[in-house]
Each structure stands twice: as structure tokens, then as C-alpha cells.
Protein backbone atom coordinates (compact mmCIF):
# COMPACT_ATOMS: atom_id res chain seq x y z
CA MET A 1 12.86 -41.95 244.57
CA LEU A 2 12.55 -39.71 247.62
CA VAL A 3 12.25 -35.95 246.99
CA LEU A 4 12.67 -33.49 249.84
CA VAL A 5 12.48 -29.70 249.50
CA LEU A 6 13.39 -27.40 252.40
CA LEU A 7 13.52 -23.62 252.44
CA TRP A 8 15.12 -21.53 255.15
CA SER A 9 16.89 -18.19 255.58
CA SER A 10 20.13 -19.11 257.33
CA VAL A 11 22.44 -22.07 257.47
CA GLY A 12 25.47 -22.32 259.77
CA PRO A 13 28.42 -21.05 257.72
CA THR A 14 28.07 -18.23 255.21
CA VAL A 15 27.04 -19.56 251.81
CA THR A 16 27.28 -17.52 248.61
CA GLY A 17 25.11 -17.88 245.53
CA GLN A 18 27.72 -20.04 243.78
CA ASP A 19 28.56 -22.32 246.70
CA LEU A 20 27.43 -25.92 246.74
CA ILE A 21 26.95 -28.27 249.65
CA VAL A 22 26.38 -31.87 248.73
CA PHE A 23 25.20 -34.38 251.30
CA LEU A 24 25.83 -38.03 250.53
CA LEU A 25 23.81 -40.13 252.95
CA VAL A 26 24.75 -43.78 252.90
CA LEU A 27 21.90 -45.79 254.37
CA LEU A 28 22.20 -49.18 256.00
CA LYS A 29 21.57 -52.34 253.99
CA ARG A 30 23.46 -50.78 251.06
CA LYS A 31 20.75 -48.26 250.20
CA VAL A 32 22.24 -44.94 249.20
CA ALA A 33 20.55 -41.57 248.97
CA CYS A 34 22.12 -38.36 247.72
CA ILE A 35 20.93 -34.97 248.94
CA TYR A 36 22.02 -31.88 247.05
CA VAL A 37 21.81 -28.44 248.64
CA TYR A 38 21.99 -25.38 246.42
CA ALA A 39 22.35 -21.87 247.80
CA HIS A 40 20.62 -19.03 246.01
CA SER A 41 20.94 -15.95 248.26
CA PRO A 42 19.62 -17.10 251.66
CA VAL A 43 17.25 -19.73 250.24
CA LEU A 44 18.38 -23.36 249.90
CA LEU A 45 16.79 -26.08 247.77
CA ILE A 46 17.27 -29.70 248.86
CA TYR A 47 16.33 -32.74 246.84
CA SER A 48 17.17 -36.42 247.14
CA THR A 49 17.66 -39.30 244.74
CA GLU A 50 18.53 -42.92 245.46
CA LEU A 51 21.74 -44.54 244.30
CA GLN A 52 23.12 -48.05 244.70
CA LYS A 53 26.55 -49.56 244.74
CA SER A 54 27.42 -52.16 242.16
CA PRO A 55 26.63 -55.65 243.49
CA CYS A 56 30.30 -56.54 243.01
CA PHE A 57 31.65 -53.29 244.51
CA VAL A 58 33.31 -54.74 247.63
CA ASP A 59 34.26 -57.98 245.88
CA ASP A 60 35.96 -55.98 243.08
CA LEU A 61 37.85 -53.89 245.64
CA VAL A 62 39.11 -56.95 247.51
CA ALA A 63 40.12 -58.57 244.21
CA ALA A 64 42.00 -55.41 243.18
CA LEU A 65 43.85 -55.39 246.51
CA HIS A 66 44.64 -59.09 246.13
CA ASP A 67 46.00 -58.56 242.59
CA ALA A 68 47.98 -55.45 243.55
CA THR A 69 50.98 -57.64 244.36
CA GLY A 70 52.38 -60.74 242.74
CA LYS A 71 53.18 -64.02 244.42
CA ASP A 72 56.61 -62.56 245.26
CA GLY A 73 54.95 -59.79 247.28
CA GLU A 74 56.15 -57.06 244.91
CA LEU A 75 53.78 -54.35 243.69
CA VAL A 76 52.36 -54.94 240.18
CA ASN A 77 53.10 -52.01 237.86
CA SER A 78 49.46 -51.20 237.04
CA SER A 79 48.54 -51.02 240.74
CA SER A 80 50.25 -47.64 241.21
CA THR A 81 47.83 -46.05 238.74
CA LEU A 82 44.81 -48.04 239.90
CA PHE A 83 45.27 -46.87 243.50
CA GLY A 84 46.34 -43.30 242.62
CA MET A 85 49.87 -43.44 244.01
CA CYS A 86 52.31 -40.59 243.39
CA LYS A 87 55.89 -41.40 242.51
CA ASP A 88 57.42 -38.70 244.70
CA SER A 89 55.03 -38.75 247.67
CA ASP A 90 55.25 -40.26 251.14
CA ASN A 91 55.15 -44.05 251.48
CA SER A 92 51.96 -44.22 253.60
CA SER A 93 49.71 -45.26 250.68
CA LEU A 94 52.25 -47.79 249.42
CA SER A 95 52.75 -49.36 252.83
CA VAL A 96 49.01 -49.70 253.48
CA LEU A 97 48.44 -51.19 250.01
CA LEU A 98 51.19 -53.77 250.50
CA GLU A 99 49.87 -54.63 253.97
CA LEU A 100 46.28 -55.05 252.79
CA SER A 101 47.33 -57.10 249.76
CA GLU A 102 49.53 -59.37 251.85
CA GLY A 103 46.78 -59.93 254.43
CA ILE A 104 44.16 -60.72 251.79
CA ARG A 105 46.49 -63.18 250.05
CA ARG A 106 47.47 -64.82 253.32
CA ASN A 107 43.88 -65.25 254.50
CA SER A 108 42.25 -66.34 251.24
CA ARG A 109 40.69 -62.91 250.64
CA ARG A 110 39.20 -62.74 254.12
CA GLY A 111 41.87 -60.49 255.59
CA VAL A 112 39.73 -57.35 255.74
CA GLU A 113 36.59 -56.05 257.42
CA VAL A 114 34.42 -53.42 255.73
CA LEU A 115 32.54 -50.52 257.36
CA ASP A 116 30.21 -48.14 255.48
CA PRO A 117 29.97 -44.55 256.75
CA ALA A 118 26.55 -43.71 258.20
CA ALA A 119 26.61 -40.33 256.42
CA VAL A 120 28.92 -38.15 254.35
CA LEU A 121 28.81 -34.38 253.93
CA ILE A 122 30.79 -32.90 251.05
CA SER A 123 31.01 -29.11 250.98
CA VAL A 124 32.75 -26.77 248.55
CA GLU A 125 34.14 -24.25 251.05
CA ASP A 126 36.01 -21.94 248.70
CA ASP A 127 37.62 -21.93 245.28
CA GLU A 128 40.43 -24.20 246.43
CA THR A 129 39.22 -26.58 249.16
CA ILE A 130 36.61 -29.31 249.31
CA MET A 131 35.72 -30.61 252.78
CA ALA A 132 34.44 -34.16 253.27
CA THR A 133 32.94 -35.12 256.64
CA PHE A 134 32.38 -38.81 257.32
CA ASP A 135 30.05 -39.90 260.13
CA LEU A 136 31.25 -43.35 261.14
CA PRO A 137 29.18 -45.82 263.17
CA GLN A 138 30.44 -47.68 266.23
CA SER A 139 32.86 -50.48 265.50
CA PRO A 140 35.35 -52.46 267.60
CA PHE A 141 37.73 -52.43 264.63
CA PHE A 142 38.77 -48.78 265.07
CA LYS A 143 41.51 -49.95 267.44
CA LEU A 144 43.09 -51.70 264.43
CA LYS A 145 44.50 -49.90 261.38
CA PRO A 146 41.61 -48.14 259.60
CA VAL A 147 42.00 -47.34 255.91
CA LEU A 148 39.66 -44.85 254.27
CA VAL A 149 38.93 -45.93 250.69
CA LEU A 150 37.56 -43.46 248.16
CA ALA A 151 36.28 -45.31 245.10
CA PHE A 152 35.46 -43.39 241.93
CA GLU A 153 32.60 -44.29 239.63
CA SER A 154 33.98 -42.06 236.85
CA PRO A 155 37.73 -41.38 237.06
CA LEU A 156 39.44 -38.45 235.36
CA PRO A 157 39.21 -39.12 231.59
CA ASP A 158 42.73 -37.90 230.79
CA GLY A 159 45.71 -36.15 232.30
CA GLU A 160 46.83 -36.43 235.91
CA MET A 161 45.70 -34.57 239.02
CA ASP A 162 47.70 -34.33 242.26
CA VAL A 163 45.46 -34.06 245.32
CA THR A 164 46.43 -33.33 248.94
CA PHE A 165 44.33 -34.76 251.80
CA TYR A 166 44.55 -33.34 255.30
CA SER A 167 42.87 -34.54 258.51
CA THR A 168 43.78 -35.09 262.13
CA SER A 169 42.09 -38.50 261.74
CA LEU A 170 44.73 -39.56 259.18
CA ARG A 171 48.20 -40.79 260.00
CA PRO A 172 50.21 -38.96 258.79
CA ASN A 173 47.84 -35.97 258.81
CA THR A 174 48.77 -34.96 255.25
CA GLN A 175 48.67 -37.56 252.46
CA SER A 176 48.74 -37.33 248.66
CA ALA A 177 47.19 -39.07 245.68
CA CYS A 178 47.66 -38.81 241.92
CA ILE A 179 44.36 -39.37 240.11
CA SER A 180 44.51 -40.28 236.43
CA GLY A 181 42.40 -42.09 233.84
CA GLY A 182 43.23 -45.49 235.30
CA THR A 183 42.58 -44.59 238.94
CA MET A 184 39.67 -46.32 240.64
CA TYR A 185 40.62 -46.18 244.33
CA ILE A 186 42.40 -43.89 246.79
CA LEU A 187 43.75 -45.37 250.05
CA LEU A 188 44.18 -43.06 253.04
CA LYS A 189 45.79 -44.41 256.19
CA GLY A 190 43.70 -43.62 259.26
CA LYS A 191 44.60 -43.25 262.91
CA PRO A 192 43.57 -46.11 265.26
CA SER A 193 41.45 -45.14 268.25
CA GLU A 194 40.25 -46.80 271.43
CA GLY A 195 36.61 -47.14 272.40
CA ASN A 196 33.61 -48.44 270.53
CA VAL A 197 32.02 -45.04 269.81
CA GLU A 198 30.73 -43.12 266.83
CA GLN A 199 33.33 -41.00 265.09
CA LYS A 200 33.41 -38.04 262.73
CA TRP A 201 36.32 -37.68 260.32
CA GLN A 202 36.81 -34.35 258.54
CA VAL A 203 39.12 -34.53 255.53
CA SER A 204 40.03 -31.55 253.34
CA LEU A 205 40.87 -32.13 249.67
CA GLN A 206 42.87 -29.69 247.61
CA ALA A 207 44.25 -29.94 244.07
CA LYS A 208 47.92 -28.95 243.98
CA SER A 209 47.65 -27.33 240.56
CA PRO A 210 45.30 -24.29 240.27
CA ASN A 211 44.01 -25.39 236.84
CA MET A 212 42.93 -28.76 238.28
CA LYS A 213 40.50 -27.35 240.89
CA GLN A 214 37.50 -27.79 238.62
CA ASN A 215 38.61 -31.31 237.70
CA LEU A 216 38.59 -32.25 241.38
CA LYS A 217 34.99 -31.06 241.67
CA ASP A 218 34.09 -33.01 238.54
CA VAL A 219 35.57 -36.24 239.89
CA LEU A 220 33.94 -35.93 243.33
CA ILE A 221 30.55 -34.32 242.79
CA GLY A 222 29.99 -33.81 239.08
CA GLY A 223 31.20 -30.22 238.94
CA ASN A 224 29.49 -27.07 240.16
CA THR A 225 26.02 -28.44 239.48
CA GLY A 226 26.50 -31.43 241.77
CA SER A 227 24.61 -33.48 239.18
CA SER A 228 26.12 -36.79 240.28
CA ILE A 229 28.04 -38.27 243.18
CA ARG A 230 31.05 -40.08 241.82
CA MET A 231 32.82 -41.02 245.02
CA ILE A 232 31.89 -44.04 247.16
CA PRO A 233 33.64 -44.06 250.56
CA LEU A 234 34.15 -46.95 252.95
CA LEU A 235 36.57 -48.04 255.67
CA LEU A 236 38.74 -51.14 255.53
CA PHE A 237 40.35 -52.80 258.53
CA SER A 238 43.16 -55.31 258.14
CA VAL A 239 42.42 -58.36 260.29
CA GLU A 240 43.81 -61.86 260.57
CA THR A 241 40.50 -63.62 259.92
CA GLY A 242 37.83 -61.52 258.27
CA SER A 243 34.19 -62.49 258.08
CA ASP A 244 32.59 -63.55 254.83
CA ARG A 245 31.41 -60.29 253.23
CA ARG A 246 29.63 -62.10 250.44
CA TRP A 247 25.94 -62.92 250.45
CA THR A 248 26.48 -66.36 248.90
CA SER A 249 29.32 -68.23 247.24
CA SER A 250 27.31 -67.97 243.99
CA ALA A 251 27.38 -64.16 244.16
CA SER A 252 31.14 -64.08 244.75
CA PHE A 253 31.63 -66.63 241.98
CA LEU A 254 29.65 -64.46 239.56
CA CYS A 255 31.70 -61.37 240.44
CA GLU A 256 34.90 -63.33 239.79
CA LEU A 257 33.41 -64.67 236.55
CA ARG A 258 32.74 -61.13 235.33
CA ARG A 259 36.33 -60.08 236.08
CA PHE A 260 37.63 -63.17 234.28
CA LEU A 261 35.56 -62.45 231.14
CA ASP A 262 36.66 -58.79 231.16
CA ALA A 263 40.31 -59.89 231.34
CA VAL A 264 40.38 -62.64 228.70
CA LEU A 265 37.87 -61.78 225.98
CA PRO A 266 39.20 -59.90 222.91
CA GLN A 267 38.99 -56.14 223.45
CA GLN A 268 37.16 -53.90 220.99
CA ARG A 269 39.06 -50.89 219.64
CA THR A 270 35.93 -48.88 218.88
CA GLU A 271 32.52 -48.64 220.52
CA PRO A 272 30.17 -50.85 218.47
CA PRO A 273 26.43 -50.12 218.05
CA LEU A 274 24.13 -51.10 220.93
CA LEU A 275 22.07 -54.27 220.57
CA PRO A 276 18.97 -54.58 222.81
CA LEU A 277 18.60 -58.29 223.53
CA GLY A 278 14.87 -57.90 224.10
CA SER A 279 14.35 -57.03 220.43
CA LEU A 280 15.56 -60.46 219.24
CA GLN A 281 13.50 -63.56 218.58
CA SER A 282 13.98 -66.12 221.31
CA LEU A 283 12.86 -69.60 222.21
CA PRO A 284 10.79 -69.85 225.41
CA PRO A 285 13.02 -69.42 228.49
CA LEU A 286 13.95 -72.56 230.39
CA ALA A 287 14.36 -72.57 234.16
CA LEU A 288 17.76 -73.79 235.40
CA GLY A 289 17.38 -75.68 238.65
CA LEU A 290 16.99 -79.01 240.39
CA SER A 291 14.03 -79.93 238.16
CA THR A 292 15.74 -79.17 234.83
CA SER A 293 15.58 -82.20 232.55
CA GLU A 294 18.69 -84.32 232.06
CA ALA A 295 18.32 -84.22 228.27
CA LEU A 296 18.21 -80.41 228.21
CA LEU A 297 21.26 -80.08 230.47
CA ALA A 298 23.20 -82.58 228.32
CA GLU A 299 22.36 -80.56 225.20
CA ILE A 300 23.49 -77.28 226.77
CA ILE A 301 26.70 -78.79 228.18
CA ASN A 302 27.65 -80.18 224.77
CA SER A 303 26.80 -76.96 222.93
CA SER A 304 29.73 -74.73 222.06
CA ALA A 305 27.52 -71.69 221.42
CA PRO A 306 28.66 -68.50 223.18
CA THR A 307 26.76 -67.44 226.28
CA ILE A 308 25.76 -64.02 227.60
CA PHE A 309 25.34 -63.72 231.37
CA SER A 310 22.64 -61.16 232.12
CA PHE A 311 21.63 -59.48 235.38
CA ALA A 312 18.47 -57.60 234.44
CA SER A 313 17.38 -57.25 238.08
CA TRP A 314 20.44 -58.09 240.19
CA SER A 315 21.37 -55.28 242.57
CA SER A 316 23.00 -54.74 245.94
CA CYS A 317 19.52 -54.68 247.49
CA PHE A 318 18.38 -57.90 245.80
CA PRO A 319 21.37 -60.27 245.65
CA VAL A 320 21.21 -63.20 243.28
CA ARG A 321 19.77 -66.43 244.63
CA PRO A 322 22.15 -69.38 244.67
CA GLY A 323 21.40 -71.69 241.74
CA GLN A 324 21.42 -75.45 242.06
CA LEU A 325 21.61 -78.37 239.66
CA ALA A 326 21.17 -82.11 240.21
CA LEU A 327 23.34 -83.89 237.65
CA SER A 328 23.54 -87.63 237.23
CA PRO A 329 26.94 -89.34 237.62
CA ALA A 330 27.26 -89.67 233.84
CA LEU A 331 26.48 -86.00 233.23
CA LEU A 332 28.84 -84.95 236.05
CA GLU A 333 31.60 -86.86 234.29
CA GLU A 334 30.70 -85.22 230.97
CA LEU A 335 30.73 -81.78 232.60
CA GLY A 336 34.13 -82.49 234.14
CA GLN A 337 35.59 -83.62 230.82
CA ARG A 338 34.28 -80.56 229.00
CA LEU A 339 35.68 -78.29 231.70
CA GLU A 340 39.08 -79.93 231.49
CA LYS A 341 39.15 -79.65 227.69
CA ASN A 342 38.23 -75.96 227.70
CA GLU A 343 40.66 -75.19 230.52
CA GLN A 344 43.46 -76.70 228.44
CA GLN A 345 42.46 -74.45 225.53
CA ILE A 346 42.56 -71.40 227.81
CA LYS A 347 46.00 -72.41 229.08
CA GLU A 348 47.19 -72.77 225.48
CA LEU A 349 45.93 -69.23 224.74
CA ILE A 350 47.89 -68.03 227.79
CA ARG A 351 50.98 -69.84 226.53
CA GLN A 352 50.56 -68.14 223.14
CA GLU A 353 50.21 -64.79 225.00
CA ALA A 354 46.81 -64.22 223.41
CA ILE A 355 45.39 -63.52 226.87
CA PRO A 356 47.15 -62.13 229.98
CA PRO A 357 49.25 -64.62 232.02
CA ARG A 358 47.49 -63.70 235.29
CA SER A 359 44.26 -65.07 233.83
CA SER A 360 45.38 -68.50 235.01
CA GLU A 361 45.17 -67.22 238.59
CA LYS A 362 41.60 -66.03 238.01
CA LEU A 363 40.72 -69.37 236.45
CA GLU A 364 42.11 -71.19 239.47
CA ARG A 365 40.09 -68.89 241.72
CA LEU A 366 36.91 -69.78 239.81
CA ARG A 367 37.61 -73.49 240.22
CA GLU A 368 38.15 -72.90 243.93
CA LEU A 369 34.88 -70.99 244.32
CA SER A 370 32.89 -73.57 242.38
CA ALA A 371 34.29 -76.36 244.61
CA PHE A 372 33.41 -78.78 241.81
CA GLN A 373 34.32 -82.46 242.16
CA ARG A 374 33.74 -84.93 239.34
CA GLN A 375 31.91 -88.20 239.94
CA GLU A 376 30.30 -86.92 243.15
CA PRO A 377 26.52 -86.74 242.61
CA ALA A 378 26.05 -86.07 246.32
CA ALA A 379 28.05 -82.84 246.03
CA GLU A 380 26.25 -79.56 246.61
CA GLY A 381 23.85 -78.56 243.86
CA GLU A 382 25.27 -75.03 244.06
CA SER A 383 28.74 -76.35 243.26
CA GLN A 384 27.43 -78.15 240.16
CA TYR A 385 25.62 -74.97 239.12
CA CYS A 386 28.78 -72.84 239.37
CA ALA A 387 30.76 -75.46 237.43
CA PHE A 388 28.08 -75.36 234.73
CA LEU A 389 28.37 -71.55 234.48
CA LEU A 390 32.16 -71.79 234.36
CA LEU A 391 31.95 -74.24 231.45
CA LYS A 392 29.64 -71.91 229.51
CA ALA A 393 32.01 -68.99 230.16
CA LEU A 394 35.06 -70.96 228.98
CA GLN A 395 33.17 -72.11 225.88
CA THR A 396 32.36 -68.46 225.15
CA VAL A 397 36.04 -67.50 225.40
CA THR A 398 37.31 -70.36 223.23
CA HIS A 399 34.55 -69.66 220.68
CA ALA A 400 35.64 -66.01 220.45
CA TYR A 401 39.29 -66.92 219.79
CA ASN A 402 38.33 -69.68 217.33
CA ILE A 403 36.33 -67.10 215.35
CA GLN A 404 39.31 -64.75 215.46
CA GLY A 405 41.47 -67.50 213.97
CA LYS A 406 38.99 -68.11 211.16
CA LEU A 407 38.82 -64.40 210.37
CA ARG A 408 42.62 -64.15 210.21
CA ALA A 409 42.73 -67.17 207.87
CA THR A 410 40.11 -65.58 205.61
CA ARG A 411 42.05 -62.31 205.40
CA ALA A 412 45.32 -64.13 204.73
CA GLY A 413 43.91 -66.34 201.95
CA PRO A 414 45.41 -65.89 198.43
CA SER A 415 43.31 -63.89 195.98
CA THR A 416 44.10 -62.48 192.55
CA ARG A 417 40.70 -60.84 191.96
CA GLY A 418 39.92 -59.03 195.17
CA PRO A 419 38.32 -60.37 198.31
CA ILE A 420 36.27 -63.50 197.72
CA CYS A 421 33.15 -64.36 199.69
CA GLY A 422 34.09 -65.14 203.27
CA LEU A 423 33.45 -64.54 206.95
CA GLY A 424 34.03 -61.07 208.38
CA SER A 425 33.76 -59.53 211.82
CA LEU A 426 30.62 -57.69 212.96
CA THR A 427 30.66 -56.71 216.63
CA VAL A 428 27.74 -55.27 218.57
CA SER A 429 27.66 -53.81 222.07
CA LEU A 430 25.24 -55.39 224.53
CA GLU A 431 22.99 -53.73 227.08
CA GLN A 432 24.69 -52.52 230.25
CA LEU A 433 22.60 -54.72 232.55
CA LEU A 434 24.94 -57.61 231.86
CA LEU A 435 27.53 -59.54 233.75
CA GLY A 436 29.41 -60.27 230.56
CA PRO A 437 30.56 -60.32 227.87
CA GLN A 438 29.88 -56.66 227.13
CA SER A 439 29.87 -57.24 223.37
CA ALA A 440 29.32 -60.05 220.89
CA ASN A 441 30.86 -60.80 217.50
CA LEU A 442 27.92 -61.82 215.30
CA ASN A 443 30.08 -61.99 212.14
CA ASN A 444 28.90 -61.20 208.63
CA CYS A 445 29.61 -62.41 205.11
CA ARG A 446 31.25 -60.14 202.58
CA GLY A 447 33.27 -60.43 199.40
CA SER A 448 32.89 -61.22 195.71
CA CYS A 449 30.74 -63.99 194.20
CA ALA A 450 32.30 -63.74 190.72
CA PHE A 451 33.20 -66.95 188.89
CA PRO A 452 34.59 -69.33 190.10
CA LEU A 453 32.14 -69.21 193.01
CA SER A 454 33.18 -69.69 196.62
CA ASN A 455 31.01 -72.34 198.26
CA GLY A 456 28.19 -71.79 195.73
CA ASN A 457 25.31 -74.12 194.84
CA ASN A 458 23.90 -74.97 191.42
CA HIS A 459 21.43 -72.10 191.50
CA ALA A 460 24.24 -69.58 192.11
CA VAL A 461 26.32 -71.13 189.30
CA LEU A 462 23.38 -70.81 186.87
CA LEU A 463 22.74 -67.22 187.99
CA ASN A 464 26.34 -66.31 187.24
CA TYR A 465 26.19 -68.06 183.86
CA HIS A 466 22.94 -66.26 183.01
CA ILE A 467 24.36 -62.82 183.86
CA GLU A 468 27.59 -63.43 181.94
CA ARG A 469 25.45 -64.07 178.88
CA GLY A 470 24.16 -60.49 179.05
CA ASN A 471 21.03 -60.81 181.22
CA VAL A 472 21.91 -57.81 183.34
CA ASN A 473 18.42 -57.42 184.82
CA GLU A 474 18.86 -60.51 186.99
CA ARG A 475 20.50 -60.19 190.39
CA GLY A 476 23.90 -61.78 190.79
CA PRO A 477 24.80 -64.31 193.47
CA CYS A 478 25.25 -62.70 196.91
CA CYS A 479 27.67 -63.55 199.69
CA VAL A 480 25.42 -64.64 202.57
CA PRO A 481 25.57 -66.74 205.76
CA LEU A 482 24.82 -70.43 205.22
CA THR A 483 24.95 -71.69 208.79
CA TYR A 484 24.58 -70.03 212.17
CA ASP A 485 25.36 -70.60 215.81
CA PRO A 486 22.75 -69.62 218.41
CA LEU A 487 23.42 -67.19 221.25
CA GLU A 488 22.60 -68.46 224.72
CA VAL A 489 21.54 -66.01 227.43
CA ILE A 490 21.50 -66.95 231.11
CA ASP A 491 19.44 -64.44 233.08
CA TRP A 492 18.85 -64.00 236.81
CA ASN A 493 15.85 -62.46 238.51
CA ASP A 494 14.10 -62.78 241.86
CA GLU A 495 12.58 -66.11 240.78
CA GLY A 496 15.85 -67.83 239.87
CA SER A 497 17.98 -68.30 236.74
CA PHE A 498 16.75 -68.98 233.23
CA LEU A 499 18.28 -69.94 229.90
CA SER A 500 16.96 -68.43 226.69
CA ILE A 501 18.28 -69.29 223.25
CA LYS A 502 18.45 -66.73 220.44
CA PRO A 503 18.57 -68.91 217.29
CA ASP A 504 20.47 -68.05 214.10
CA MET A 505 22.49 -65.28 215.73
CA ILE A 506 26.14 -65.80 214.79
CA ALA A 507 27.18 -66.35 211.19
CA LYS A 508 29.33 -69.47 211.04
CA GLU A 509 29.88 -70.20 207.34
CA CYS A 510 29.51 -68.14 204.16
CA GLY A 511 28.64 -68.96 200.56
CA CYS A 512 27.26 -67.53 197.35
CA ARG A 513 23.51 -67.81 196.83
């Protein structure tokens, strides 16, 4: 962390004791520093703290633009909220969204170029207006159609806020956005310009409703205190053939994998308790790479245990290294068969409307990124590695829905004496340094062990008999797990990827003991 304190007696424009000027300085190589300036009479205090974009930030944006329209070119309903579009405003935001989405679809997600501002100055000028100044580096793409994207880390929690943007660098000069709980991005159509020179865009932001002025400050800069910067700006340019923005195909694959898991896994209605993975017993971690033993890989491929994908040290500054595997022809065939089987199960869940229909498009995208071909041992080791991760993700999804089916069957079972011993749901939330899933259903056993016993052994039968004869000081049979599934965790760090197994994690079968 860099800390900088400056004191002086005058600064350009007049600043009152309640005014706030917030500098957001976006450094090259995706390093971000925030500088806050507070005014107390004529003395200003400046301090700096480093921030970083999410490793999947640009990839998520491009995916959102791609998914904003369907195959018919029409806007998807949820996209209006996601991109903050107002129903009764001008069509500039809609036209630029449709154009970007069409270009990205036409060019296999390479229809855009990205430019980070060199620096951003956000100043609260008065009670009504916030001024954002973007210092933009030289780029030959300014002669195209620039689009200023404002991405929000923490959107408005509820309600809706109409915001007006004005700048001579925008076309048209005045544009509107409607920010609500589902809004993640704002698209502002910029004005093309000739010449490869540095530029400075000044954009004023004003909430249309007087009671929403404070909300606008909260969304942009964390309120009057400026405690956090919640807006990440960048420029997009629509091009016919964009360059590859991704560090490696593995990194892009992992971003797509996270979006897929978020879309298809069962959603939790309440926030479950947090489970720190480091507190659990684990077998020694095993390196996943070209030297991984064939027997170990075969065991993992044939295991149906759910998998957690963890990024304890993955960041925009330290992108994940591409993994590689060297599978034999027989194991390649086995991997292909397992993939095909699990894909069919996912398609059946889509047919049953258990998961969203557009998940099939994400699944196809994952297959495309993995570039996996069966019975080709000479294929790239990175392709085999991605196919391996895809299999573990699909096994995690099918495992989750199989457990759901068992739980429904247990609840629907006939009972004349109350709930009998059986499997129940127990969900925990996982640490936030994860790719996915964000939670895990560990299950638990609950219900009665009264006679006749459910899945009891001789000892439990004798215990029940003993108690029924009046020996009340003895404990009765308890409903407990009999068998477990492990939890597999694949973790990435600067040395590569590793598999650790947490044994006896997920209750699989219950009985009275």
C-alpha cells in the first residue's frame, strides 16, 4: 500500500469543509491506486490505497455484451436492467449496445478493443453535480466509435435512480441511464476524433430526483466519506477484428467456467454460514501437470465427488499459468466418454427447465475454449487440462441436482409417525477467494430412530429394545451419516495447480446407530 500525505493552503477551485475530491488513478498493467482528497478549511489530506480489477473483469463485460442479444439479434429482457437503460430515454445507449453485441457475436467475441484511462478525477462540485474527468492515453482507435463504460462494483441495493450525463465528448452530448439493483454497466456513446493524441473527457453526472443525490455519491465514491471507489471506467471500440485481450486461453476458459457455474448451480435463498476451507482436514495436495501419474488422473476422472475451484492468489497482476496434462489414448477416451455422459445429463436438466436454457450456449462455449478432441494424444496439453476441469465442473453440477432429487424423495416419503431418519440439506458458504461454486451442500442426517428403525444395525435394534424395556438412562439410537463423499479442491497459485481432497465431507447415506 502506498500512503501519501500532502498539506497546502490553496487548491485551484474553492473547496468548502464538506467538499470531497476523489482521484482515481488507474495505473498501467492493471494496477489501480485510489487517492482521496479531503478539504478541511484550507488544508487538504491526501492518502492512497491500491485496488485491483477482478481477473475476469473484461472477460465478464465482453460476455455480458455477447449475451445482451439472442441469436435473432433482439435485446434480451434482462439486458435493459444490466446496462442501466431507461425506457423513455434516447436510443443512443440501446443502439450502441446492439452494435457492440452484434460485433462481438459476429467476430467470436473479438469485436472490441479495450482502453484503460490513464487517470480519473472525480470531484463533488456542489450538492447536485459530480464531475468525472478521464485522462485518456493515445490510441489510433479514437477515430472509430468510442464507448465509455462505467462498471459498478456495488450497484444500488434497491429502488431506481435516473442519472443524466453531459459532456461535449459524448454524442449526443446529453445521455441518460437508469441505475437499479441489477445494473452493472453504463454505456455512454462517445464522439470519434482524428489524431493519435492524448485526450481529456469531462463528464458531469446529475441525479434527476433530488432525493437520489446521496445515492449517486454512494454508488460512485462510497458517499461523503469517499471510503471506496465503486466505479471502474474503460473505453470500448467496436472493430471488425479485435486482438486477443486474454492472457491465455486457460484464463478465459476459467472465467467462462465461473459464469457457467453461477448460472446452473442451485441458488441459495438465504446466506449460509461461512466455511473456511483451511480449517478442514485434507490429504496432501497433489500437483496437476505433465508429470501427474496416470493412476491418479484415472481415479479423479472416475470420481463423481463435487469439486471446488479456488483462486487463493489469482489476480489481475498475477494471471493464472496455463495448466497442462499428458493423458494416454485410453485415458483420453475415458475422459471423452465421461464428458459426453455428463453433458447429456446437463442437457436433460435444461430440457426439464431445472437450469436456464441459455446454459447450453455457455456449455458450447466451454467446449470451444477447451478445444478438446478425443483419441488425440498429440493434442495440446492445455486442451486436455481444460477438458479435465470441464468434466469436474459438470460432475459438480450433476452431483448437486442428484442430491436435490434425493432430498425431495426423502421429504415426499410416506410417514405416519413423523419424519424418519433421512438425508437433509445443510449448505455452507465458501470463502470469497473462489472461482466457484460459492457454496456447498454438505447434507446432514435428521429424523426419528423409533422402532421400526430406518437403516439400523443390530446394535441400534438392541438399544431400542433396551430402552423400551424401561432403561431410560441409556442413549437411544441417533440418526447419523453412514457414508460420505469427499470434496475435491483444485487450487491455483504462482507455482501451478494442485488438487487437495477433503475426505468425509458430504453426507451421502443416513442410518440409525
